[in-house]
Full PDB file with SEQRES, HELIX, SHEET, SSBOND, CRYST1, ORIGX, SCALE, CONECT and MASTER records, all heavy atoms in Angstrom:
SEQRES   1 A   36  TYR GLY VAL LYS ALA SER PHE PRO ILE SER SER PHE TYR          
SEQRES   2 A   36  HIS ASN LYS HIS LYS GLU LYS ALA ALA VAL LEU GLU LEU          
SEQRES   3 A   36  LYS ARG GLU GLU VAL ALA HIS GLU GLU THR                      
HELIX    1 AA1 SER A   11  HIS A   14  1                                   4    
HELIX    2 AA2 LYS A   16  GLU A   35  1                                  20    
CRYST1    1.000    1.000    1.000  90.00  90.00  90.00 P 1           1          
ORIGX1      1.000000  0.000000  0.000000        0.00000                         
ORIGX2      0.000000  1.000000  0.000000        0.00000                         
ORIGX3      0.000000  0.000000  1.000000        0.00000                         
SCALE1      1.000000  0.000000  0.000000        0.00000                         
SCALE2      0.000000  1.000000  0.000000        0.00000                         
SCALE3      0.000000  0.000000  1.000000        0.00000                         
ATOM      1  N   TYR A   1     -16.940  38.494  -3.035  1.00  0.00           N  
ATOM      2  CA  TYR A   1     -17.874  37.430  -3.360  1.00  0.00           C  
ATOM      3  C   TYR A   1     -18.400  36.845  -2.052  1.00  0.00           C  
ATOM      4  O   TYR A   1     -17.776  36.967  -1.007  1.00  0.00           O  
ATOM      5  CB  TYR A   1     -17.219  36.335  -4.203  1.00  0.00           C  
ATOM      6  CG  TYR A   1     -16.072  35.630  -3.542  1.00  0.00           C  
ATOM      7  CD1 TYR A   1     -16.263  34.478  -2.768  1.00  0.00           C  
ATOM      8  CD2 TYR A   1     -14.765  36.111  -3.672  1.00  0.00           C  
ATOM      9  CE1 TYR A   1     -15.202  33.838  -2.166  1.00  0.00           C  
ATOM     10  CE2 TYR A   1     -13.699  35.488  -3.069  1.00  0.00           C  
ATOM     11  CZ  TYR A   1     -13.923  34.349  -2.315  1.00  0.00           C  
ATOM     12  OH  TYR A   1     -12.869  33.720  -1.703  1.00  0.00           O  
ATOM     13  N   GLY A   2     -19.590  36.237  -2.146  1.00  0.00           N  
ATOM     14  CA  GLY A   2     -20.160  35.683  -0.930  1.00  0.00           C  
ATOM     15  C   GLY A   2     -21.627  35.329  -1.130  1.00  0.00           C  
ATOM     16  O   GLY A   2     -22.071  35.027  -2.233  1.00  0.00           O  
ATOM     17  N   VAL A   3     -22.348  35.397  -0.044  1.00  0.00           N  
ATOM     18  CA  VAL A   3     -23.766  35.022  -0.047  1.00  0.00           C  
ATOM     19  C   VAL A   3     -24.591  36.206   0.406  1.00  0.00           C  
ATOM     20  O   VAL A   3     -24.238  36.881   1.383  1.00  0.00           O  
ATOM     21  CB  VAL A   3     -24.028  33.816   0.893  1.00  0.00           C  
ATOM     22  CG1 VAL A   3     -25.512  33.456   0.903  1.00  0.00           C  
ATOM     23  CG2 VAL A   3     -23.188  32.621   0.478  1.00  0.00           C  
ATOM     24  N   LYS A   4     -25.684  36.443  -0.345  1.00  0.00           N  
ATOM     25  CA  LYS A   4     -26.639  37.486   0.044  1.00  0.00           C  
ATOM     26  C   LYS A   4     -27.910  36.817   0.524  1.00  0.00           C  
ATOM     27  O   LYS A   4     -28.400  35.876  -0.095  1.00  0.00           O  
ATOM     28  CB  LYS A   4     -26.970  38.400  -1.134  1.00  0.00           C  
ATOM     29  CG  LYS A   4     -25.930  39.461  -1.412  1.00  0.00           C  
ATOM     30  CD  LYS A   4     -26.418  40.392  -2.515  1.00  0.00           C  
ATOM     31  CE  LYS A   4     -25.398  41.499  -2.776  1.00  0.00           C  
ATOM     32  NZ  LYS A   4     -25.875  42.426  -3.851  1.00  0.00           N  
ATOM     33  N   ALA A   5     -28.480  37.354   1.573  1.00  0.00           N  
ATOM     34  CA  ALA A   5     -29.742  36.823   2.088  1.00  0.00           C  
ATOM     35  C   ALA A   5     -30.597  37.977   2.589  1.00  0.00           C  
ATOM     36  O   ALA A   5     -30.070  38.949   3.150  1.00  0.00           O  
ATOM     37  CB  ALA A   5     -29.500  35.814   3.208  1.00  0.00           C  
ATOM     38  N   SER A   6     -31.896  37.858   2.345  1.00  0.00           N  
ATOM     39  CA  SER A   6     -32.817  38.896   2.812  1.00  0.00           C  
ATOM     40  C   SER A   6     -34.157  38.254   3.152  1.00  0.00           C  
ATOM     41  O   SER A   6     -34.491  37.168   2.646  1.00  0.00           O  
ATOM     42  CB  SER A   6     -33.006  39.983   1.760  1.00  0.00           C  
ATOM     43  OG  SER A   6     -33.568  39.437   0.577  1.00  0.00           O  
ATOM     44  N   PHE A   7     -34.907  38.956   4.003  1.00  0.00           N  
ATOM     45  CA  PHE A   7     -36.213  38.436   4.375  1.00  0.00           C  
ATOM     46  C   PHE A   7     -37.197  39.611   4.454  1.00  0.00           C  
ATOM     47  O   PHE A   7     -36.972  40.556   5.223  1.00  0.00           O  
ATOM     48  CB  PHE A   7     -36.155  37.721   5.726  1.00  0.00           C  
ATOM     49  CG  PHE A   7     -37.429  36.998   6.073  1.00  0.00           C  
ATOM     50  CD1 PHE A   7     -37.672  35.713   5.607  1.00  0.00           C  
ATOM     51  CD2 PHE A   7     -38.412  37.629   6.843  1.00  0.00           C  
ATOM     52  CE1 PHE A   7     -38.852  35.052   5.917  1.00  0.00           C  
ATOM     53  CE2 PHE A   7     -39.595  36.968   7.149  1.00  0.00           C  
ATOM     54  CZ  PHE A   7     -39.818  35.679   6.684  1.00  0.00           C  
ATOM     55  N   PRO A   8     -38.282  39.554   3.661  1.00  0.00           N  
ATOM     56  CA  PRO A   8     -39.243  40.677   3.638  1.00  0.00           C  
ATOM     57  C   PRO A   8     -40.211  40.617   4.826  1.00  0.00           C  
ATOM     58  O   PRO A   8     -41.292  40.014   4.726  1.00  0.00           O  
ATOM     59  CB  PRO A   8     -39.965  40.471   2.301  1.00  0.00           C  
ATOM     60  CG  PRO A   8     -39.924  39.000   2.078  1.00  0.00           C  
ATOM     61  CD  PRO A   8     -38.627  38.515   2.688  1.00  0.00           C  
ATOM     62  N   ILE A   9     -39.871  41.227   5.913  1.00  0.00           N  
ATOM     63  CA  ILE A   9     -40.712  41.185   7.108  1.00  0.00           C  
ATOM     64  C   ILE A   9     -42.072  41.843   6.851  1.00  0.00           C  
ATOM     65  O   ILE A   9     -43.113  41.399   7.349  1.00  0.00           O  
ATOM     66  CB  ILE A   9     -39.994  41.863   8.288  1.00  0.00           C  
ATOM     67  CG1 ILE A   9     -38.697  41.107   8.611  1.00  0.00           C  
ATOM     68  CG2 ILE A   9     -40.883  41.918   9.519  1.00  0.00           C  
ATOM     69  CD1 ILE A   9     -37.875  41.757   9.697  1.00  0.00           C  
ATOM     70  N   SER A  10     -42.072  42.905   6.056  1.00  0.00           N  
ATOM     71  CA  SER A  10     -43.319  43.627   5.800  1.00  0.00           C  
ATOM     72  C   SER A  10     -44.339  42.776   5.046  1.00  0.00           C  
ATOM     73  O   SER A  10     -45.538  43.089   5.059  1.00  0.00           O  
ATOM     74  CB  SER A  10     -43.042  44.898   5.001  1.00  0.00           C  
ATOM     75  OG  SER A  10     -42.436  44.580   3.745  1.00  0.00           O  
ATOM     76  N   SER A  11     -43.902  41.682   4.419  1.00  0.00           N  
ATOM     77  CA  SER A  11     -44.846  40.832   3.687  1.00  0.00           C  
ATOM     78  C   SER A  11     -45.839  40.155   4.602  1.00  0.00           C  
ATOM     79  O   SER A  11     -46.911  39.731   4.151  1.00  0.00           O  
ATOM     80  CB  SER A  11     -44.068  39.763   2.891  1.00  0.00           C  
ATOM     81  OG  SER A  11     -43.308  40.360   1.866  1.00  0.00           O  
ATOM     82  N   PHE A  12     -45.510  40.048   5.901  1.00  0.00           N  
ATOM     83  CA  PHE A  12     -46.445  39.405   6.818  1.00  0.00           C  
ATOM     84  C   PHE A  12     -47.772  40.167   6.896  1.00  0.00           C  
ATOM     85  O   PHE A  12     -48.830  39.560   7.041  1.00  0.00           O  
ATOM     86  CB  PHE A  12     -45.821  39.298   8.209  1.00  0.00           C  
ATOM     87  CG  PHE A  12     -44.850  38.168   8.343  1.00  0.00           C  
ATOM     88  CD1 PHE A  12     -43.491  38.410   8.462  1.00  0.00           C  
ATOM     89  CD2 PHE A  12     -45.292  36.854   8.348  1.00  0.00           C  
ATOM     90  CE1 PHE A  12     -42.592  37.369   8.587  1.00  0.00           C  
ATOM     91  CE2 PHE A  12     -44.394  35.809   8.486  1.00  0.00           C  
ATOM     92  CZ  PHE A  12     -43.036  36.067   8.592  1.00  0.00           C  
ATOM     93  N   TYR A  13     -47.715  41.491   6.778  1.00  0.00           N  
ATOM     94  CA  TYR A  13     -48.972  42.251   6.822  1.00  0.00           C  
ATOM     95  C   TYR A  13     -49.387  42.773   5.437  1.00  0.00           C  
ATOM     96  O   TYR A  13     -50.553  43.017   5.191  1.00  0.00           O  
ATOM     97  CB  TYR A  13     -48.879  43.412   7.823  1.00  0.00           C  
ATOM     98  CG  TYR A  13     -47.657  44.291   7.706  1.00  0.00           C  
ATOM     99  CD1 TYR A  13     -47.626  45.378   6.834  1.00  0.00           C  
ATOM    100  CD2 TYR A  13     -46.534  44.042   8.498  1.00  0.00           C  
ATOM    101  CE1 TYR A  13     -46.514  46.185   6.753  1.00  0.00           C  
ATOM    102  CE2 TYR A  13     -45.421  44.847   8.423  1.00  0.00           C  
ATOM    103  CZ  TYR A  13     -45.408  45.922   7.531  1.00  0.00           C  
ATOM    104  OH  TYR A  13     -44.312  46.722   7.451  1.00  0.00           O  
ATOM    105  N   HIS A  14     -48.414  42.918   4.522  1.00  0.00           N  
ATOM    106  CA  HIS A  14     -48.778  43.341   3.169  1.00  0.00           C  
ATOM    107  C   HIS A  14     -49.414  42.210   2.361  1.00  0.00           C  
ATOM    108  O   HIS A  14     -50.204  42.463   1.449  1.00  0.00           O  
ATOM    109  CB  HIS A  14     -47.533  43.838   2.420  1.00  0.00           C  
ATOM    110  CG  HIS A  14     -47.115  45.211   2.809  1.00  0.00           C  
ATOM    111  ND1 HIS A  14     -45.843  45.699   2.594  1.00  0.00           N  
ATOM    112  CD2 HIS A  14     -47.792  46.222   3.420  1.00  0.00           C  
ATOM    113  CE1 HIS A  14     -45.753  46.934   3.041  1.00  0.00           C  
ATOM    114  NE2 HIS A  14     -46.931  47.280   3.569  1.00  0.00           N  
ATOM    115  N   ASN A  15     -49.069  40.986   2.683  1.00  0.00           N  
ATOM    116  CA  ASN A  15     -49.481  39.838   1.869  1.00  0.00           C  
ATOM    117  C   ASN A  15     -50.831  39.248   2.284  1.00  0.00           C  
ATOM    118  O   ASN A  15     -51.382  38.402   1.592  1.00  0.00           O  
ATOM    119  CB  ASN A  15     -48.415  38.733   1.956  1.00  0.00           C  
ATOM    120  CG  ASN A  15     -48.301  37.949   0.672  1.00  0.00           C  
ATOM    121  OD1 ASN A  15     -48.144  38.527  -0.391  1.00  0.00           O  
ATOM    122  ND2 ASN A  15     -48.394  36.628   0.749  1.00  0.00           N  
ATOM    123  N   LYS A  16     -51.368  39.692   3.417  1.00  0.00           N  
ATOM    124  CA  LYS A  16     -52.559  39.073   3.978  1.00  0.00           C  
ATOM    125  C   LYS A  16     -53.751  39.156   3.022  1.00  0.00           C  
ATOM    126  O   LYS A  16     -54.383  38.146   2.695  1.00  0.00           O  
ATOM    127  CB  LYS A  16     -52.881  39.743   5.317  1.00  0.00           C  
ATOM    128  CG  LYS A  16     -54.113  39.183   6.004  1.00  0.00           C  
ATOM    129  CD  LYS A  16     -54.338  39.893   7.335  1.00  0.00           C  
ATOM    130  CE  LYS A  16     -55.581  39.343   8.034  1.00  0.00           C  
ATOM    131  NZ  LYS A  16     -55.829  40.045   9.323  1.00  0.00           N  
ATOM    132  N   HIS A  17     -54.061  40.343   2.563  1.00  0.00           N  
ATOM    133  CA  HIS A  17     -55.228  40.515   1.697  1.00  0.00           C  
ATOM    134  C   HIS A  17     -54.965  40.024   0.274  1.00  0.00           C  
ATOM    135  O   HIS A  17     -55.893  39.595  -0.418  1.00  0.00           O  
ATOM    136  CB  HIS A  17     -55.643  41.985   1.688  1.00  0.00           C  
ATOM    137  CG  HIS A  17     -56.055  42.498   3.032  1.00  0.00           C  
ATOM    138  ND1 HIS A  17     -57.204  42.073   3.670  1.00  0.00           N  
ATOM    139  CD2 HIS A  17     -55.449  43.381   3.876  1.00  0.00           C  
ATOM    140  CE1 HIS A  17     -57.307  42.678   4.852  1.00  0.00           C  
ATOM    141  NE2 HIS A  17     -56.250  43.468   5.002  1.00  0.00           N  
ATOM    142  N   LYS A  18     -53.726  40.072  -0.146  1.00  0.00           N  
ATOM    143  CA  LYS A  18     -53.392  39.526  -1.470  1.00  0.00           C  
ATOM    144  C   LYS A  18     -53.679  38.019  -1.521  1.00  0.00           C  
ATOM    145  O   LYS A  18     -54.195  37.503  -2.514  1.00  0.00           O  
ATOM    146  CB  LYS A  18     -51.920  39.775  -1.786  1.00  0.00           C  
ATOM    147  CG  LYS A  18     -51.566  41.235  -1.988  1.00  0.00           C  
ATOM    148  CD  LYS A  18     -50.084  41.390  -2.300  1.00  0.00           C  
ATOM    149  CE  LYS A  18     -49.724  42.860  -2.478  1.00  0.00           C  
ATOM    150  NZ  LYS A  18     -48.266  43.043  -2.753  1.00  0.00           N  
ATOM    151  N   GLU A  19     -53.328  37.344  -0.432  1.00  0.00           N  
ATOM    152  CA  GLU A  19     -53.556  35.900  -0.383  1.00  0.00           C  
ATOM    153  C   GLU A  19     -55.057  35.590  -0.370  1.00  0.00           C  
ATOM    154  O   GLU A  19     -55.513  34.661  -1.046  1.00  0.00           O  
ATOM    155  CB  GLU A  19     -52.880  35.311   0.840  1.00  0.00           C  
ATOM    156  CG  GLU A  19     -52.968  33.793   0.918  1.00  0.00           C  
ATOM    157  CD  GLU A  19     -52.146  33.226   2.058  1.00  0.00           C  
ATOM    158  OE1 GLU A  19     -51.255  33.947   2.562  1.00  0.00           O  
ATOM    159  OE2 GLU A  19     -52.402  32.071   2.454  1.00  0.00           O  
ATOM    160  N   LYS A  20     -55.840  36.367   0.378  1.00  0.00           N  
ATOM    161  CA  LYS A  20     -57.281  36.137   0.403  1.00  0.00           C  
ATOM    162  C   LYS A  20     -57.900  36.370  -0.977  1.00  0.00           C  
ATOM    163  O   LYS A  20     -58.791  35.626  -1.425  1.00  0.00           O  
ATOM    164  CB  LYS A  20     -57.935  37.057   1.429  1.00  0.00           C  
ATOM    165  CG  LYS A  20     -57.662  36.674   2.878  1.00  0.00           C  
ATOM    166  CD  LYS A  20     -58.405  37.585   3.847  1.00  0.00           C  
ATOM    167  CE  LYS A  20     -58.165  37.161   5.292  1.00  0.00           C  
ATOM    168  NZ  LYS A  20     -58.887  38.056   6.261  1.00  0.00           N  
ATOM    169  N   ALA A  21     -57.433  37.417  -1.669  1.00  0.00           N  
ATOM    170  CA  ALA A  21     -57.945  37.691  -3.013  1.00  0.00           C  
ATOM    171  C   ALA A  21     -57.595  36.561  -3.974  1.00  0.00           C  
ATOM    172  O   ALA A  21     -58.410  36.163  -4.821  1.00  0.00           O  
ATOM    173  CB  ALA A  21     -57.382  39.017  -3.522  1.00  0.00           C  
ATOM    174  N   ALA A  22     -56.375  36.015  -3.848  1.00  0.00           N  
ATOM    175  CA  ALA A  22     -55.968  34.907  -4.716  1.00  0.00           C  
ATOM    176  C   ALA A  22     -56.807  33.656  -4.445  1.00  0.00           C  
ATOM    177  O   ALA A  22     -57.157  32.914  -5.370  1.00  0.00           O  
ATOM    178  CB  ALA A  22     -54.481  34.605  -4.516  1.00  0.00           C  
ATOM    179  N   VAL A  23     -57.151  33.412  -3.184  1.00  0.00           N  
ATOM    180  CA  VAL A  23     -57.993  32.265  -2.838  1.00  0.00           C  
ATOM    181  C   VAL A  23     -59.378  32.417  -3.456  1.00  0.00           C  
ATOM    182  O   VAL A  23     -59.943  31.470  -4.014  1.00  0.00           O  
ATOM    183  CB  VAL A  23     -58.094  32.113  -1.306  1.00  0.00           C  
ATOM    184  CG1 VAL A  23     -59.152  31.082  -0.943  1.00  0.00           C  
ATOM    185  CG2 VAL A  23     -56.746  31.709  -0.717  1.00  0.00           C  
ATOM    186  N   LEU A  24     -59.940  33.614  -3.380  1.00  0.00           N  
ATOM    187  CA  LEU A  24     -61.259  33.859  -3.967  1.00  0.00           C  
ATOM    188  C   LEU A  24     -61.236  33.717  -5.489  1.00  0.00           C  
ATOM    189  O   LEU A  24     -62.181  33.198  -6.090  1.00  0.00           O  
ATOM    190  CB  LEU A  24     -61.751  35.255  -3.563  1.00  0.00           C  
ATOM    191  CG  LEU A  24     -62.062  35.451  -2.074  1.00  0.00           C  
ATOM    192  CD1 LEU A  24     -62.404  36.911  -1.787  1.00  0.00           C  
ATOM    193  CD2 LEU A  24     -63.202  34.533  -1.641  1.00  0.00           C  
ATOM    194  N   GLU A  25     -60.170  34.181  -6.107  1.00  0.00           N  
ATOM    195  CA  GLU A  25     -60.034  34.033  -7.563  1.00  0.00           C  
ATOM    196  C   GLU A  25     -59.981  32.556  -7.953  1.00  0.00           C  
ATOM    197  O   GLU A  25     -60.555  32.149  -8.963  1.00  0.00           O  
ATOM    198  CB  GLU A  25     -58.775  34.747  -8.049  1.00  0.00           C  
ATOM    199  CG  GLU A  25     -58.895  36.251  -8.142  1.00  0.00           C  
ATOM    200  CD  GLU A  25     -59.863  36.668  -9.236  1.00  0.00           C  
ATOM    201  OE1 GLU A  25     -59.872  36.031 -10.308  1.00  0.00           O  
ATOM    202  OE2 GLU A  25     -60.630  37.626  -9.010  1.00  0.00           O  
ATOM    203  N   LEU A  26     -59.284  31.767  -7.154  1.00  0.00           N  
ATOM    204  CA  LEU A  26     -59.216  30.329  -7.428  1.00  0.00           C  
ATOM    205  C   LEU A  26     -60.594  29.691  -7.302  1.00  0.00           C  
ATOM    206  O   LEU A  26     -60.998  28.878  -8.148  1.00  0.00           O  
ATOM    207  CB  LEU A  26     -58.231  29.669  -6.466  1.00  0.00           C  
ATOM    208  CG  LEU A  26     -58.131  28.136  -6.555  1.00  0.00           C  
ATOM    209  CD1 LEU A  26     -57.733  27.698  -7.957  1.00  0.00           C  
ATOM    210  CD2 LEU A  26     -57.139  27.609  -5.519  1.00  0.00           C  
ATOM    211  N   LYS A  27     -61.346  30.067  -6.257  1.00  0.00           N  
ATOM    212  CA  LYS A  27     -62.698  29.513  -6.098  1.00  0.00           C  
ATOM    213  C   LYS A  27     -63.594  29.908  -7.266  1.00  0.00           C  
ATOM    214  O   LYS A  27     -64.376  29.098  -7.769  1.00  0.00           O  
ATOM    215  CB  LYS A  27     -63.299  29.998  -4.783  1.00  0.00           C  
ATOM    216  CG  LYS A  27     -62.654  29.391  -3.536  1.00  0.00           C  
ATOM    217  CD  LYS A  27     -63.335  29.895  -2.270  1.00  0.00           C  
ATOM    218  CE  LYS A  27     -62.711  29.243  -1.026  1.00  0.00           C  
ATOM    219  NZ  LYS A  27     -63.359  29.730   0.231  1.00  0.00           N  
ATOM    220  N   ARG A  28     -63.483  31.156  -7.706  1.00  0.00           N  
ATOM    221  CA  ARG A  28     -64.290  31.605  -8.842  1.00  0.00           C  
ATOM    222  C   ARG A  28     -63.957  30.815 -10.106  1.00  0.00           C  
ATOM    223  O   ARG A  28     -64.853  30.413 -10.856  1.00  0.00           O  
ATOM    224  CB  ARG A  28     -64.054  33.096  -9.082  1.00  0.00           C  
ATOM    225  CG  ARG A  28     -64.938  33.698 -10.183  1.00  0.00           C  
ATOM    226  CD  ARG A  28     -64.495  35.109 -10.527  1.00  0.00           C  
ATOM    227  NE  ARG A  28     -63.164  35.120 -11.081  1.00  0.00           N  
ATOM    228  CZ  ARG A  28     -62.892  34.858 -12.368  1.00  0.00           C  
ATOM    229  NH1 ARG A  28     -63.864  34.548 -13.195  1.00  0.00           N  
ATOM    230  NH2 ARG A  28     -61.658  34.896 -12.798  1.00  0.00           N  
ATOM    231  N   GLU A  29     -62.675  30.563 -10.318  1.00  0.00           N  
ATOM    232  CA  GLU A  29     -62.270  29.813 -11.507  1.00  0.00           C  
ATOM    233  C   GLU A  29     -62.726  28.361 -11.425  1.00  0.00           C  
ATOM    234  O   GLU A  29     -63.066  27.753 -12.448  1.00  0.00           O  
ATOM    235  CB  GLU A  29     -60.746  29.889 -11.664  1.00  0.00           C  
ATOM    236  CG  GLU A  29     -60.245  29.487 -13.036  1.00  0.00           C  
ATOM    237  CD  GLU A  29     -60.799  30.358 -14.133  1.00  0.00           C  
ATOM    238  OE1 GLU A  29     -60.782  31.590 -13.988  1.00  0.00           O  
ATOM    239  OE2 GLU A  29     -61.275  29.786 -15.149  1.00  0.00           O  
ATOM    240  N   GLU A  30     -62.720  27.783 -10.230  1.00  0.00           N  
ATOM    241  CA  GLU A  30     -63.216  26.411 -10.073  1.00  0.00           C  
ATOM    242  C   GLU A  30     -64.714  26.323 -10.385  1.00  0.00           C  
ATOM    243  O   GLU A  30     -65.173  25.366 -11.011  1.00  0.00           O  
ATOM    244  CB  GLU A  30     -62.928  25.921  -8.652  1.00  0.00           C  
ATOM    245  CG  GLU A  30     -61.445  25.654  -8.405  1.00  0.00           C  
ATOM    246  CD  GLU A  30     -61.166  25.280  -6.953  1.00  0.00           C  
ATOM    247  OE1 GLU A  30     -62.063  25.522  -6.105  1.00  0.00           O  
ATOM    248  OE2 GLU A  30     -60.070  24.770  -6.657  1.00  0.00           O  
ATOM    249  N   VAL A  31     -65.464  27.337  -9.956  1.00  0.00           N  
ATOM    250  CA  VAL A  31     -66.894  27.373 -10.292  1.00  0.00           C  
ATOM    251  C   VAL A  31     -67.087  27.535 -11.798  1.00  0.00           C  
ATOM    252  O   VAL A  31     -67.963  26.908 -12.403  1.00  0.00           O  
ATOM    253  CB  VAL A  31     -67.598  28.512  -9.522  1.00  0.00           C  
ATOM    254  CG1 VAL A  31     -69.052  28.657  -9.978  1.00  0.00           C  
ATOM    255  CG2 VAL A  31     -67.550  28.255  -8.024  1.00  0.00           C  
ATOM    256  N   ALA A  32     -66.253  28.384 -12.408  1.00  0.00           N  
ATOM    257  CA  ALA A  32     -66.334  28.575 -13.861  1.00  0.00           C  
ATOM    258  C   ALA A  32     -66.017  27.283 -14.611  1.00  0.00           C  
ATOM    259  O   ALA A  32     -66.624  26.979 -15.651  1.00  0.00           O  
ATOM    260  CB  ALA A  32     -65.379  29.684 -14.294  1.00  0.00           C  
ATOM    261  N   HIS A  33     -65.073  26.505 -14.056  1.00  0.00           N  
ATOM    262  CA  HIS A  33     -64.736  25.218 -14.682  1.00  0.00           C  
ATOM    263  C   HIS A  33     -65.920  24.252 -14.591  1.00  0.00           C  
ATOM    264  O   HIS A  33     -66.220  23.534 -15.553  1.00  0.00           O  
ATOM    265  CB  HIS A  33     -63.508  24.636 -13.993  1.00  0.00           C  
ATOM    266  CG  HIS A  33     -63.063  23.318 -14.556  1.00  0.00           C  
ATOM    267  ND1 HIS A  33     -62.712  23.149 -15.883  1.00  0.00           N  
ATOM    268  CD2 HIS A  33     -62.921  22.086 -13.981  1.00  0.00           C  
ATOM    269  CE1 HIS A  33     -62.377  21.882 -16.100  1.00  0.00           C  
ATOM    270  NE2 HIS A  33     -62.504  21.231 -14.954  1.00  0.00           N  
ATOM    271  N   GLU A  34     -66.587  24.251 -13.451  1.00  0.00           N  
ATOM    272  CA  GLU A  34     -67.776  23.400 -13.316  1.00  0.00           C  
ATOM    273  C   GLU A  34     -68.878  23.841 -14.274  1.00  0.00           C  
ATOM    274  O   GLU A  34     -69.578  23.012 -14.870  1.00  0.00           O  
ATOM    275  CB  GLU A  34     -68.271  23.453 -11.875  1.00  0.00           C  
ATOM    276  CG  GLU A  34     -67.320  22.813 -10.867  1.00  0.00           C  
ATOM    277  CD  GLU A  34     -67.801  22.965  -9.440  1.00  0.00           C  
ATOM    278  OE1 GLU A  34     -68.874  23.608  -9.249  1.00  0.00           O  
ATOM    279  OE2 GLU A  34     -67.132  22.464  -8.516  1.00  0.00           O  
ATOM    280  N   GLU A  35     -69.019  25.145 -14.434  1.00  0.00           N  
ATOM    281  CA  GLU A  35     -70.025  25.656 -15.370  1.00  0.00           C  
ATOM    282  C   GLU A  35     -69.686  25.245 -16.806  1.00  0.00           C  
ATOM    283  O   GLU A  35     -70.579  24.895 -17.588  1.00  0.00           O  
ATOM    284  CB  GLU A  35     -70.116  27.178 -15.269  1.00  0.00           C  
ATOM    285  CG  GLU A  35     -71.185  27.771 -16.177  1.00  0.00           C  
ATOM    286  CD  GLU A  35     -71.161  29.282 -16.183  1.00  0.00           C  
ATOM    287  OE1 GLU A  35     -70.092  29.846 -15.886  1.00  0.00           O  
ATOM    288  OE2 GLU A  35     -72.186  29.888 -16.498  1.00  0.00           O  
ATOM    289  N   THR A  36     -68.410  25.278 -17.144  1.00  0.00           N  
ATOM    290  CA  THR A  36     -67.998  24.840 -18.476  1.00  0.00           C  
ATOM    291  C   THR A  36     -68.365  23.381 -18.706  1.00  0.00           C  
ATOM    292  O   THR A  36     -68.821  23.003 -19.789  1.00  0.00           O  
ATOM    293  CB  THR A  36     -66.480  25.039 -18.658  1.00  0.00           C  
ATOM    294  OG1 THR A  36     -66.147  26.413 -18.456  1.00  0.00           O  
ATOM    295  CG2 THR A  36     -66.036  24.610 -20.055  1.00  0.00           C  
TER     296      THR A  36                                                      
MASTER        0    0    0    2    0    0    0    6  295    1    0    3          
END                                                                             
C-alpha cells in the first residue's frame, strides 16, 4: 500500500492545439448565445 503519483509530460505539447480548439468552441457558443 502507498501513494501513486504521475505527471503527463507529453501533455505540454499534445494539449496545445486541443486547448486552442476548446477556446474557439467557447467563443462560437458565446456568439450563438447572443444570437439566441
